[in-house]
Amino acid sequence: MTNINILIISFVFVFIATIFWFWMLADCIHHKFKHKKLMLEWFLLIAFTYFVGALTYYFMVKRRFNKF
């Protein structure tokens, strides 16, 4: 694989990860938490840990509430 292919694949991954990150931030803002403090904690976690925080939020909050 050439360097340009690796660069393109990396760009696509970062682009998709950024879209997912924004999606989880928006969902966190619009999600109905019991306490505003909990929303702030999730928002800060997602904002400062980027993709890892977004994945954590997705599996612990968003996916759990979408099942019902």
C-alpha atoms as a PDB file:
ATOM      1  CA  MET A   1       0.000   0.000   0.000  1.00  0.00           C
ATOM      2  CA  THR A   2       1.371   3.365  -0.939  1.00  0.00           C
ATOM      3  CA  ASN A   3       1.643   6.371   1.309  1.00  0.00           C
ATOM      4  CA  ILE A   4      -1.207   8.172  -0.453  1.00  0.00           C
ATOM      5  CA  ASN A   5      -3.570   5.243   0.178  1.00  0.00           C
ATOM      6  CA  ILE A   6      -2.702   5.240   3.868  1.00  0.00           C
ATOM      7  CA  LEU A   7      -3.274   8.996   3.972  1.00  0.00           C
ATOM      8  CA  ILE A   8      -6.687   8.675   2.296  1.00  0.00           C
ATOM      9  CA  ILE A   9      -7.770   5.847   4.610  1.00  0.00           C
ATOM     10  CA  SER A  10      -6.615   7.849   7.635  1.00  0.00           C
ATOM     11  CA  PHE A  11      -8.496  10.927   6.446  1.00  0.00           C
ATOM     12  CA  VAL A  12     -11.704   8.922   5.926  1.00  0.00           C
ATOM     13  CA  PHE A  13     -11.422   7.377   9.404  1.00  0.00           C
ATOM     14  CA  VAL A  14     -10.843  10.756  11.069  1.00  0.00           C
ATOM     15  CA  PHE A  15     -13.715  12.292   9.097  1.00  0.00           C
ATOM     16  CA  ILE A  16     -16.139   9.525  10.130  1.00  0.00           C
ATOM     17  CA  ALA A  17     -14.918   9.672  13.744  1.00  0.00           C
ATOM     18  CA  THR A  18     -15.480  13.437  13.811  1.00  0.00           C
ATOM     19  CA  ILE A  19     -19.022  13.101  12.465  1.00  0.00           C
ATOM     20  CA  PHE A  20     -19.736  10.421  15.075  1.00  0.00           C
ATOM     21  CA  TRP A  21     -18.248  12.688  17.770  1.00  0.00           C
ATOM     22  CA  PHE A  22     -20.510  15.612  16.783  1.00  0.00           C
ATOM     23  CA  TRP A  23     -23.519  13.274  16.648  1.00  0.00           C
ATOM     24  CA  MET A  24     -22.869  12.040  20.203  1.00  0.00           C
ATOM     25  CA  LEU A  25     -22.319  15.610  21.461  1.00  0.00           C
ATOM     26  CA  ALA A  26     -25.639  16.677  19.937  1.00  0.00           C
ATOM     27  CA  ASP A  27     -27.407  13.634  21.370  1.00  0.00           C
ATOM     28  CA  CYS A  28     -25.957  14.358  24.795  1.00  0.00           C
ATOM     29  CA  ILE A  29     -27.302  17.913  24.696  1.00  0.00           C
ATOM     30  CA  HIS A  30     -30.798  16.786  23.644  1.00  0.00           C
ATOM     31  CA  HIS A  31     -30.985  13.685  25.845  1.00  0.00           C
ATOM     32  CA  LYS A  32     -33.344  13.926  28.818  1.00  0.00           C
ATOM     33  CA  PHE A  33     -31.117  13.235  31.819  1.00  0.00           C
ATOM     34  CA  LYS A  34     -32.559  13.171  35.325  1.00  0.00           C
ATOM     35  CA  HIS A  35     -30.006  15.766  36.460  1.00  0.00           C
ATOM     36  CA  LYS A  36     -28.350  18.564  34.483  1.00  0.00           C
ATOM     37  CA  LYS A  37     -25.071  17.758  36.221  1.00  0.00           C
ATOM     38  CA  LEU A  38     -25.075  14.325  34.592  1.00  0.00           C
ATOM     39  CA  MET A  39     -25.521  15.898  31.167  1.00  0.00           C
ATOM     40  CA  LEU A  40     -22.618  18.250  31.834  1.00  0.00           C
ATOM     41  CA  GLU A  41     -20.390  15.369  32.936  1.00  0.00           C
ATOM     42  CA  TRP A  42     -21.174  13.354  29.803  1.00  0.00           C
ATOM     43  CA  PHE A  43     -20.713  16.409  27.593  1.00  0.00           C
ATOM     44  CA  LEU A  44     -17.296  17.151  29.062  1.00  0.00           C
ATOM     45  CA  LEU A  45     -16.245  13.510  28.803  1.00  0.00           C
ATOM     46  CA  ILE A  46     -17.204  13.378  25.132  1.00  0.00           C
ATOM     47  CA  ALA A  47     -15.695  16.784  24.372  1.00  0.00           C
ATOM     48  CA  PHE A  48     -12.313  16.114  25.967  1.00  0.00           C
ATOM     49  CA  THR A  49     -11.782  12.463  25.050  1.00  0.00           C
ATOM     50  CA  TYR A  50     -12.984  12.715  21.434  1.00  0.00           C
ATOM     51  CA  PHE A  51     -13.740   9.321  19.863  1.00  0.00           C
ATOM     52  CA  VAL A  52     -13.237   7.229  23.018  1.00  0.00           C
ATOM     53  CA  GLY A  53     -15.704   9.350  24.977  1.00  0.00           C
ATOM     54  CA  ALA A  54     -18.199   9.273  22.114  1.00  0.00           C
ATOM     55  CA  LEU A  55     -17.999   5.476  21.930  1.00  0.00           C
ATOM     56  CA  THR A  56     -18.407   5.202  25.690  1.00  0.00           C
ATOM     57  CA  TYR A  57     -21.472   7.461  25.604  1.00  0.00           C
ATOM     58  CA  TYR A  58     -22.945   5.509  22.689  1.00  0.00           C
ATOM     59  CA  PHE A  59     -22.741   2.140  24.428  1.00  0.00           C
ATOM     60  CA  MET A  60     -23.589   3.305  27.955  1.00  0.00           C
ATOM     61  CA  VAL A  61     -26.366   5.838  27.298  1.00  0.00           C
ATOM     62  CA  LYS A  62     -27.643   6.123  23.732  1.00  0.00           C
ATOM     63  CA  ARG A  63     -27.809   2.446  22.853  1.00  0.00           C
ATOM     64  CA  ARG A  64     -29.317   1.517  26.214  1.00  0.00           C
ATOM     65  CA  PHE A  65     -32.255   3.931  25.830  1.00  0.00           C
ATOM     66  CA  ASN A  66     -32.861   3.200  22.141  1.00  0.00           C
ATOM     67  CA  LYS A  67     -33.664  -0.453  22.874  1.00  0.00           C
ATOM     68  CA  PHE A  68     -36.942   0.412  24.603  1.00  0.00           C
END
